[in-house]
Amino acid sequence: MQEILKAFTIGSSTNVLEALQKIDQNKKGFLVVIDENDKALGTITDGDIRRAFISGIDLSSNIEAIYRSDFTCLKMDDGLSKAIDLFKDMRFKFLPVIDNDGKLVNLITRNQLHSLLLQDIHADLNYDFTSLDESIVDHEIFQRPWGFYKTTVMNNYFQAKVICVYPGQQLSLQSHNHREEYWIVAHGEGKVQLGESIVSATSGRTFFIPKGCKHRLMNTGETENLIITELQLGDYFGEDDIVRYEDIYGRD
């Protein structure tokens, strides 16, 4: 673990330039200041350095004048529940983990905690949090001819999405081989095709789409977007698990 922590730690005698270079390398925006025995002395962020520049500090200045010695941390016996409570405070982006002697033994960021919990990974504060895929808590919005979607959660068990269909637009008539889907209409009005049946979709209605079932979502409104939440269950959630039968946009 100490090897992993090297990218996020710095000695108190270091100057501002070295601190900035290390922050730029680790891409996390912070460092934990330690002494020669790995005892945690404080923390320093890119924001702390920016404010120090405004106050007149230069690149050759020692970080002792900048770093925060009144930092908040976790102890090994605190557990993840303490981390969850602390991260409710938006001021905290990361938390050092120390042992009973004050030695730095681990680090956890807010995104790492969320990633751990959303993937249902059972761990304690000894876990290598740098091994987590933090991208699952910050999915991109993907545009489509009919509107857009954003994945909100994805792990080995399920994927959840928000899907927005623009007025007068519709998804392709499609089916999936590896997943079933559950839809809840959150806003707007439209129609849902399930097999050969077409039913109205209004706020609060729910729909179940089994594997292999042909289905389509259509926004019949003139001004309002049709917004649904979608939960996928199955063994594969890739976008290539789509079999298209009809598509008004000419996609295969």
C-alpha atoms as a PDB file:
ATOM      1  CA  MET A   1       0.000   0.000   0.000  1.00  0.00           C
ATOM      2  CA  GLN A   2       2.853   2.406   0.751  1.00  0.00           C
ATOM      3  CA  GLU A   3       4.015   2.182  -2.890  1.00  0.00           C
ATOM      4  CA  ILE A   4       0.534   3.166  -4.052  1.00  0.00           C
ATOM      5  CA  LEU A   5       0.461   6.099  -1.634  1.00  0.00           C
ATOM      6  CA  LYS A   6       3.713   7.605  -2.954  1.00  0.00           C
ATOM      7  CA  ALA A   7       1.835   9.358  -5.769  1.00  0.00           C
ATOM      8  CA  PHE A   8      -0.341  11.134  -3.192  1.00  0.00           C
ATOM      9  CA  THR A   9       2.183  12.076  -0.514  1.00  0.00           C
ATOM     10  CA  ILE A  10       4.867  14.736  -0.166  1.00  0.00           C
ATOM     11  CA  GLY A  11       7.380  15.764   2.479  1.00  0.00           C
ATOM     12  CA  SER A  12       6.895  18.951   4.464  1.00  0.00           C
ATOM     13  CA  SER A  13      10.204  20.431   3.262  1.00  0.00           C
ATOM     14  CA  THR A  14       9.104  20.369  -0.382  1.00  0.00           C
ATOM     15  CA  ASN A  15       8.562  23.562  -2.344  1.00  0.00           C
ATOM     16  CA  VAL A  16       5.385  24.651  -4.121  1.00  0.00           C
ATOM     17  CA  LEU A  17       6.659  23.775  -7.615  1.00  0.00           C
ATOM     18  CA  GLU A  18       7.331  20.147  -6.622  1.00  0.00           C
ATOM     19  CA  ALA A  19       3.899  19.918  -5.012  1.00  0.00           C
ATOM     20  CA  LEU A  20       2.227  21.222  -8.159  1.00  0.00           C
ATOM     21  CA  GLN A  21       4.169  18.766 -10.328  1.00  0.00           C
ATOM     22  CA  LYS A  22       3.105  15.852  -8.163  1.00  0.00           C
ATOM     23  CA  ILE A  23      -0.528  16.973  -8.112  1.00  0.00           C
ATOM     24  CA  ASP A  24      -0.416  17.247 -11.903  1.00  0.00           C
ATOM     25  CA  GLN A  25       0.901  13.689 -12.113  1.00  0.00           C
ATOM     26  CA  ASN A  26      -1.626  12.035  -9.797  1.00  0.00           C
ATOM     27  CA  LYS A  27      -4.625  13.834 -11.413  1.00  0.00           C
ATOM     28  CA  LYS A  28      -6.493  13.970  -8.096  1.00  0.00           C
ATOM     29  CA  GLY A  29      -5.850  17.563  -7.084  1.00  0.00           C
ATOM     30  CA  PHE A  30      -4.417  16.863  -3.617  1.00  0.00           C
ATOM     31  CA  LEU A  31      -1.503  15.534  -1.591  1.00  0.00           C
ATOM     32  CA  VAL A  32      -1.054  14.367   1.983  1.00  0.00           C
ATOM     33  CA  VAL A  33       1.936  15.908   3.726  1.00  0.00           C
ATOM     34  CA  ILE A  34       3.961  13.349   5.714  1.00  0.00           C
ATOM     35  CA  ASP A  35       7.143  13.298   7.775  1.00  0.00           C
ATOM     36  CA  GLU A  36      10.076  10.894   7.426  1.00  0.00           C
ATOM     37  CA  ASN A  37       8.148   8.231   9.384  1.00  0.00           C
ATOM     38  CA  ASP A  38       5.035   8.499   7.153  1.00  0.00           C
ATOM     39  CA  LYS A  39       3.097  10.314   9.867  1.00  0.00           C
ATOM     40  CA  ALA A  40       0.347  12.452   8.332  1.00  0.00           C
ATOM     41  CA  LEU A  41       1.013  16.123   9.038  1.00  0.00           C
ATOM     42  CA  GLY A  42      -1.622  17.717   6.872  1.00  0.00           C
ATOM     43  CA  THR A  43      -3.104  18.038   3.390  1.00  0.00           C
ATOM     44  CA  ILE A  44      -2.602  20.365   0.457  1.00  0.00           C
ATOM     45  CA  THR A  45      -4.794  20.837  -2.609  1.00  0.00           C
ATOM     46  CA  ASP A  46      -4.451  22.687  -5.890  1.00  0.00           C
ATOM     47  CA  GLY A  47      -6.988  25.139  -4.471  1.00  0.00           C
ATOM     48  CA  ASP A  48      -4.782  25.790  -1.422  1.00  0.00           C
ATOM     49  CA  ILE A  49      -1.859  26.561  -3.733  1.00  0.00           C
ATOM     50  CA  ARG A  50      -3.962  28.824  -5.950  1.00  0.00           C
ATOM     51  CA  ARG A  51      -5.072  30.853  -2.924  1.00  0.00           C
ATOM     52  CA  ALA A  52      -1.454  31.022  -1.728  1.00  0.00           C
ATOM     53  CA  PHE A  53      -0.372  32.460  -5.081  1.00  0.00           C
ATOM     54  CA  ILE A  54      -3.000  35.179  -4.705  1.00  0.00           C
ATOM     55  CA  SER A  55      -1.500  35.962  -1.289  1.00  0.00           C
ATOM     56  CA  GLY A  56       1.988  36.329  -2.752  1.00  0.00           C
ATOM     57  CA  ILE A  57       3.568  32.880  -2.339  1.00  0.00           C
ATOM     58  CA  ASP A  58       5.885  31.883  -5.222  1.00  0.00           C
ATOM     59  CA  LEU A  59       6.958  28.534  -6.696  1.00  0.00           C
ATOM     60  CA  SER A  60      10.106  28.311  -4.596  1.00  0.00           C
ATOM     61  CA  SER A  61       8.256  28.780  -1.301  1.00  0.00           C
ATOM     62  CA  ASN A  62       8.077  25.883   1.128  1.00  0.00           C
ATOM     63  CA  ILE A  63       4.692  24.181   1.428  1.00  0.00           C
ATOM     64  CA  GLU A  64       4.879  24.444   5.228  1.00  0.00           C
ATOM     65  CA  ALA A  65       3.297  27.864   4.847  1.00  0.00           C
ATOM     66  CA  ILE A  66       0.415  26.450   2.818  1.00  0.00           C
ATOM     67  CA  TYR A  67      -0.643  22.987   3.875  1.00  0.00           C
ATOM     68  CA  ARG A  68      -3.530  22.444   6.278  1.00  0.00           C
ATOM     69  CA  SER A  69      -2.549  20.815   9.551  1.00  0.00           C
ATOM     70  CA  ASP A  70      -6.162  20.801  10.798  1.00  0.00           C
ATOM     71  CA  PHE A  71      -7.236  18.129   8.317  1.00  0.00           C
ATOM     72  CA  THR A  72     -10.058  15.613   8.742  1.00  0.00           C
ATOM     73  CA  CYS A  73      -9.129  11.933   8.498  1.00  0.00           C
ATOM     74  CA  LEU A  74     -10.320   8.408   9.142  1.00  0.00           C
ATOM     75  CA  LYS A  75      -8.847   5.896  11.552  1.00  0.00           C
ATOM     76  CA  MET A  76      -8.542   2.247  10.627  1.00  0.00           C
ATOM     77  CA  ASP A  77     -11.269   1.158  13.047  1.00  0.00           C
ATOM     78  CA  ASP A  78     -13.747   3.805  11.832  1.00  0.00           C
ATOM     79  CA  GLY A  79     -15.065   1.688   8.951  1.00  0.00           C
ATOM     80  CA  LEU A  80     -16.749   2.777   5.746  1.00  0.00           C
ATOM     81  CA  SER A  81     -19.826   3.997   7.611  1.00  0.00           C
ATOM     82  CA  LYS A  82     -17.759   6.875   9.010  1.00  0.00           C
ATOM     83  CA  ALA A  83     -16.521   7.683   5.507  1.00  0.00           C
ATOM     84  CA  ILE A  84     -20.117   7.792   4.241  1.00  0.00           C
ATOM     85  CA  ASP A  85     -21.062  10.250   6.991  1.00  0.00           C
ATOM     86  CA  LEU A  86     -18.056  12.497   6.408  1.00  0.00           C
ATOM     87  CA  PHE A  87     -18.486  12.628   2.640  1.00  0.00           C
ATOM     88  CA  LYS A  88     -21.969  14.045   3.119  1.00  0.00           C
ATOM     89  CA  ASP A  89     -20.088  17.295   3.703  1.00  0.00           C
ATOM     90  CA  MET A  90     -19.290  18.530   0.189  1.00  0.00           C
ATOM     91  CA  ARG A  91     -16.101  20.201   1.436  1.00  0.00           C
ATOM     92  CA  PHE A  92     -14.480  16.769   1.641  1.00  0.00           C
ATOM     93  CA  LYS A  93     -13.243  15.324  -1.666  1.00  0.00           C
ATOM     94  CA  PHE A  94     -10.823  12.875  -0.057  1.00  0.00           C
ATOM     95  CA  LEU A  95      -9.957  11.482   3.369  1.00  0.00           C
ATOM     96  CA  PRO A  96      -6.573  10.212   4.586  1.00  0.00           C
ATOM     97  CA  VAL A  97      -6.704   6.983   6.595  1.00  0.00           C
ATOM     98  CA  ILE A  98      -4.282   6.778   9.534  1.00  0.00           C
ATOM     99  CA  ASP A  99      -3.370   4.180  12.127  1.00  0.00           C
ATOM    100  CA  ASN A 100      -3.255   4.706  15.915  1.00  0.00           C
ATOM    101  CA  ASP A 101       0.203   6.284  15.632  1.00  0.00           C
ATOM    102  CA  GLY A 102      -0.937   8.801  13.036  1.00  0.00           C
ATOM    103  CA  LYS A 103       0.858   7.048  10.186  1.00  0.00           C
ATOM    104  CA  LEU A 104      -0.788   7.354   6.777  1.00  0.00           C
ATOM    105  CA  VAL A 105      -1.938   3.876   5.710  1.00  0.00           C
ATOM    106  CA  ASN A 106      -4.532   4.590   3.004  1.00  0.00           C
ATOM    107  CA  LEU A 107      -6.598   7.201   1.144  1.00  0.00           C
ATOM    108  CA  ILE A 108     -10.160   7.261  -0.123  1.00  0.00           C
ATOM    109  CA  THR A 109     -11.910   9.818  -2.339  1.00  0.00           C
ATOM    110  CA  ARG A 110     -15.634  10.520  -2.554  1.00  0.00           C
ATOM    111  CA  ASN A 111     -15.822   9.062  -6.078  1.00  0.00           C
ATOM    112  CA  GLN A 112     -14.003   5.926  -4.942  1.00  0.00           C
ATOM    113  CA  LEU A 113     -16.461   5.444  -2.089  1.00  0.00           C
ATOM    114  CA  HIS A 114     -19.434   5.856  -4.429  1.00  0.00           C
ATOM    115  CA  SER A 115     -17.875   3.463  -6.936  1.00  0.00           C
ATOM    116  CA  LEU A 116     -17.281   0.872  -4.212  1.00  0.00           C
ATOM    117  CA  LEU A 117     -20.858   1.055  -2.934  1.00  0.00           C
ATOM    118  CA  LEU A 118     -22.563   1.136  -6.341  1.00  0.00           C
ATOM    119  CA  GLN A 119     -20.622  -1.944  -7.446  1.00  0.00           C
ATOM    120  CA  ASP A 120     -21.607  -3.738  -4.218  1.00  0.00           C
ATOM    121  CA  ILE A 121     -17.975  -4.427  -3.343  1.00  0.00           C
ATOM    122  CA  HIS A 122     -17.521  -5.526   0.244  1.00  0.00           C
ATOM    123  CA  ALA A 123     -14.395  -3.913   1.676  1.00  0.00           C
ATOM    124  CA  ASP A 124     -12.851  -2.198   4.663  1.00  0.00           C
ATOM    125  CA  LEU A 125     -10.402   0.695   4.929  1.00  0.00           C
ATOM    126  CA  ASN A 126      -7.502  -1.619   3.966  1.00  0.00           C
ATOM    127  CA  TYR A 127      -8.904  -1.900   0.430  1.00  0.00           C
ATOM    128  CA  ASP A 128      -6.880  -0.631  -2.553  1.00  0.00           C
ATOM    129  CA  PHE A 129      -9.296   2.113  -3.574  1.00  0.00           C
ATOM    130  CA  THR A 130      -7.090   3.135  -6.519  1.00  0.00           C
ATOM    131  CA  SER A 131      -8.098  -0.135  -8.231  1.00  0.00           C
ATOM    132  CA  LEU A 132     -11.724   1.017  -8.544  1.00  0.00           C
ATOM    133  CA  ASP A 133     -13.259   2.221 -11.800  1.00  0.00           C
ATOM    134  CA  GLU A 134     -14.441   5.676 -10.788  1.00  0.00           C
ATOM    135  CA  SER A 135     -16.022   6.341 -14.192  1.00  0.00           C
ATOM    136  CA  ILE A 136     -19.195   4.510 -13.172  1.00  0.00           C
ATOM    137  CA  VAL A 137     -20.225   7.513 -11.057  1.00  0.00           C
ATOM    138  CA  ASP A 138     -19.708  10.004 -13.867  1.00  0.00           C
ATOM    139  CA  HIS A 139     -21.201   8.575 -17.053  1.00  0.00           C
ATOM    140  CA  GLU A 140     -21.432  10.730 -20.144  1.00  0.00           C
ATOM    141  CA  ILE A 141     -24.655  11.811 -21.821  1.00  0.00           C
ATOM    142  CA  PHE A 142     -25.026  10.057 -25.182  1.00  0.00           C
ATOM    143  CA  GLN A 143     -26.959  11.765 -27.958  1.00  0.00           C
ATOM    144  CA  ARG A 144     -29.210   9.820 -30.293  1.00  0.00           C
ATOM    145  CA  PRO A 145     -31.416  10.966 -33.209  1.00  0.00           C
ATOM    146  CA  TRP A 146     -34.453  10.667 -30.931  1.00  0.00           C
ATOM    147  CA  GLY A 147     -32.964  12.429 -27.877  1.00  0.00           C
ATOM    148  CA  PHE A 148     -30.364  11.296 -25.342  1.00  0.00           C
ATOM    149  CA  TYR A 149     -29.679   8.889 -22.500  1.00  0.00           C
ATOM    150  CA  LYS A 150     -27.422   8.857 -19.463  1.00  0.00           C
ATOM    151  CA  THR A 151     -26.414   5.840 -17.435  1.00  0.00           C
ATOM    152  CA  THR A 152     -26.820   6.610 -13.733  1.00  0.00           C
ATOM    153  CA  VAL A 153     -25.557   3.301 -12.294  1.00  0.00           C
ATOM    154  CA  MET A 154     -23.914   0.250 -13.843  1.00  0.00           C
ATOM    155  CA  ASN A 155     -22.377  -2.782 -12.176  1.00  0.00           C
ATOM    156  CA  ASN A 156     -22.253  -6.543 -12.731  1.00  0.00           C
ATOM    157  CA  TYR A 157     -25.913  -6.942 -11.740  1.00  0.00           C
ATOM    158  CA  PHE A 158     -27.802  -4.107 -13.393  1.00  0.00           C
ATOM    159  CA  GLN A 159     -27.679  -0.885 -15.352  1.00  0.00           C
ATOM    160  CA  ALA A 160     -29.945   2.107 -14.691  1.00  0.00           C
ATOM    161  CA  LYS A 161     -30.545   4.883 -17.216  1.00  0.00           C
ATOM    162  CA  VAL A 162     -32.464   8.082 -17.742  1.00  0.00           C
ATOM    163  CA  ILE A 163     -33.853   8.229 -21.286  1.00  0.00           C
ATOM    164  CA  CYS A 164     -35.208  11.429 -22.853  1.00  0.00           C
ATOM    165  CA  VAL A 165     -37.177  11.277 -26.115  1.00  0.00           C
ATOM    166  CA  TYR A 166     -37.832  14.562 -27.912  1.00  0.00           C
ATOM    167  CA  PRO A 167     -41.350  15.535 -29.094  1.00  0.00           C
ATOM    168  CA  GLY A 168     -42.440  13.543 -32.142  1.00  0.00           C
ATOM    169  CA  GLN A 169     -39.420  11.208 -31.975  1.00  0.00           C
ATOM    170  CA  GLN A 170     -39.180   7.487 -31.274  1.00  0.00           C
ATOM    171  CA  LEU A 171     -36.697   4.730 -30.572  1.00  0.00           C
ATOM    172  CA  SER A 172     -36.248   1.900 -33.049  1.00  0.00           C
ATOM    173  CA  LEU A 173     -38.381  -1.235 -32.827  1.00  0.00           C
ATOM    174  CA  GLN A 174     -35.873  -3.522 -31.135  1.00  0.00           C
ATOM    175  CA  SER A 175     -35.233  -6.432 -28.818  1.00  0.00           C
ATOM    176  CA  HIS A 176     -32.412  -7.634 -26.560  1.00  0.00           C
ATOM    177  CA  ASN A 177     -30.941 -11.086 -26.105  1.00  0.00           C
ATOM    178  CA  HIS A 178     -29.086 -10.573 -22.837  1.00  0.00           C
ATOM    179  CA  ARG A 179     -31.227  -8.270 -20.746  1.00  0.00           C
ATOM    180  CA  GLU A 180     -34.750  -7.520 -19.622  1.00  0.00           C
ATOM    181  CA  GLU A 181     -35.873  -3.974 -18.976  1.00  0.00           C
ATOM    182  CA  TYR A 182     -38.192  -2.174 -16.571  1.00  0.00           C
ATOM    183  CA  TRP A 183     -39.431   1.296 -17.508  1.00  0.00           C
ATOM    184  CA  ILE A 184     -41.040   3.972 -15.351  1.00  0.00           C
ATOM    185  CA  VAL A 185     -42.448   7.022 -17.108  1.00  0.00           C
ATOM    186  CA  ALA A 186     -41.294  10.105 -15.204  1.00  0.00           C
ATOM    187  CA  HIS A 187     -42.533  12.934 -17.438  1.00  0.00           C
ATOM    188  CA  GLY A 188     -44.433  13.550 -20.665  1.00  0.00           C
ATOM    189  CA  GLU A 189     -46.708  11.342 -22.686  1.00  0.00           C
ATOM    190  CA  GLY A 190     -46.260   8.853 -25.466  1.00  0.00           C
ATOM    191  CA  LYS A 191     -46.795   5.275 -26.505  1.00  0.00           C
ATOM    192  CA  VAL A 192     -45.023   2.019 -25.839  1.00  0.00           C
ATOM    193  CA  GLN A 193     -45.081  -0.870 -28.285  1.00  0.00           C
ATOM    194  CA  LEU A 194     -44.701  -4.307 -26.678  1.00  0.00           C
ATOM    195  CA  GLY A 195     -44.815  -7.081 -29.245  1.00  0.00           C
ATOM    196  CA  GLU A 196     -47.911  -6.305 -31.317  1.00  0.00           C
ATOM    197  CA  SER A 197     -49.598  -4.204 -28.614  1.00  0.00           C
ATOM    198  CA  ILE A 198     -49.379  -0.420 -28.368  1.00  0.00           C
ATOM    199  CA  VAL A 199     -50.316   1.230 -25.063  1.00  0.00           C
ATOM    200  CA  SER A 200     -50.229   4.797 -23.774  1.00  0.00           C
ATOM    201  CA  ALA A 201     -47.279   5.973 -21.680  1.00  0.00           C
ATOM    202  CA  THR A 202     -48.069   8.616 -19.078  1.00  0.00           C
ATOM    203  CA  SER A 203     -46.329   9.748 -15.916  1.00  0.00           C
ATOM    204  CA  GLY A 204     -46.184   6.968 -13.312  1.00  0.00           C
ATOM    205  CA  ARG A 205     -46.874   4.040 -15.663  1.00  0.00           C
ATOM    206  CA  THR A 206     -44.497   1.084 -15.533  1.00  0.00           C
ATOM    207  CA  PHE A 207     -43.580  -1.425 -18.243  1.00  0.00           C
ATOM    208  CA  PHE A 208     -41.748  -4.744 -18.259  1.00  0.00           C
ATOM    209  CA  ILE A 209     -39.851  -5.776 -21.400  1.00  0.00           C
ATOM    210  CA  PRO A 210     -38.717  -9.432 -21.313  1.00  0.00           C
ATOM    211  CA  LYS A 211     -35.657 -10.680 -23.187  1.00  0.00           C
ATOM    212  CA  GLY A 212     -36.440 -11.146 -26.867  1.00  0.00           C
ATOM    213  CA  CYS A 213     -39.588  -8.986 -26.780  1.00  0.00           C
ATOM    214  CA  LYS A 214     -39.894  -6.438 -29.582  1.00  0.00           C
ATOM    215  CA  HIS A 215     -40.457  -2.999 -28.112  1.00  0.00           C
ATOM    216  CA  ARG A 216     -40.404   0.677 -28.951  1.00  0.00           C
ATOM    217  CA  LEU A 217     -40.855   3.984 -27.117  1.00  0.00           C
ATOM    218  CA  MET A 218     -42.550   6.928 -28.853  1.00  0.00           C
ATOM    219  CA  ASN A 219     -43.085  10.531 -27.751  1.00  0.00           C
ATOM    220  CA  THR A 220     -46.495  11.630 -29.039  1.00  0.00           C
ATOM    221  CA  GLY A 221     -46.326  15.053 -27.382  1.00  0.00           C
ATOM    222  CA  GLU A 222     -45.832  18.265 -29.342  1.00  0.00           C
ATOM    223  CA  THR A 223     -43.768  20.294 -26.871  1.00  0.00           C
ATOM    224  CA  GLU A 224     -42.760  18.179 -23.859  1.00  0.00           C
ATOM    225  CA  ASN A 225     -39.930  15.656 -23.709  1.00  0.00           C
ATOM    226  CA  LEU A 226     -40.837  12.099 -22.740  1.00  0.00           C
ATOM    227  CA  ILE A 227     -38.557  11.041 -19.885  1.00  0.00           C
ATOM    228  CA  ILE A 228     -38.323   7.532 -18.475  1.00  0.00           C
ATOM    229  CA  THR A 229     -36.082   5.727 -16.037  1.00  0.00           C
ATOM    230  CA  GLU A 230     -34.905   2.330 -17.211  1.00  0.00           C
ATOM    231  CA  LEU A 231     -33.554  -0.575 -15.173  1.00  0.00           C
ATOM    232  CA  GLN A 232     -31.772  -3.366 -17.050  1.00  0.00           C
ATOM    233  CA  LEU A 233     -31.205  -6.817 -15.558  1.00  0.00           C
ATOM    234  CA  GLY A 234     -29.153  -9.466 -17.307  1.00  0.00           C
ATOM    235  CA  ASP A 235     -25.677 -10.771 -18.025  1.00  0.00           C
ATOM    236  CA  TYR A 236     -24.583  -8.111 -20.537  1.00  0.00           C
ATOM    237  CA  PHE A 237     -25.499  -4.430 -20.894  1.00  0.00           C
ATOM    238  CA  GLY A 238     -23.572  -3.311 -23.981  1.00  0.00           C
ATOM    239  CA  GLU A 239     -25.239  -1.146 -26.622  1.00  0.00           C
ATOM    240  CA  ASP A 240     -24.470  -3.848 -29.202  1.00  0.00           C
ATOM    241  CA  ASP A 241     -27.133  -6.065 -27.582  1.00  0.00           C
ATOM    242  CA  ILE A 242     -29.757  -4.374 -29.755  1.00  0.00           C
ATOM    243  CA  VAL A 243     -31.558  -6.190 -32.570  1.00  0.00           C
ATOM    244  CA  ARG A 244     -33.317  -3.566 -34.728  1.00  0.00           C
ATOM    245  CA  TYR A 245     -36.368  -4.394 -36.837  1.00  0.00           C
ATOM    246  CA  GLU A 246     -37.528  -0.901 -37.838  1.00  0.00           C
ATOM    247  CA  ASP A 247     -35.902   2.503 -37.480  1.00  0.00           C
ATOM    248  CA  ILE A 248     -37.117   5.823 -38.845  1.00  0.00           C
ATOM    249  CA  TYR A 249     -33.533   7.147 -38.784  1.00  0.00           C
ATOM    250  CA  GLY A 250     -32.189   4.413 -41.092  1.00  0.00           C
ATOM    251  CA  ARG A 251     -29.890   2.761 -38.556  1.00  0.00           C
ATOM    252  CA  ASP A 252     -29.045  -0.926 -38.911  1.00  0.00           C
END
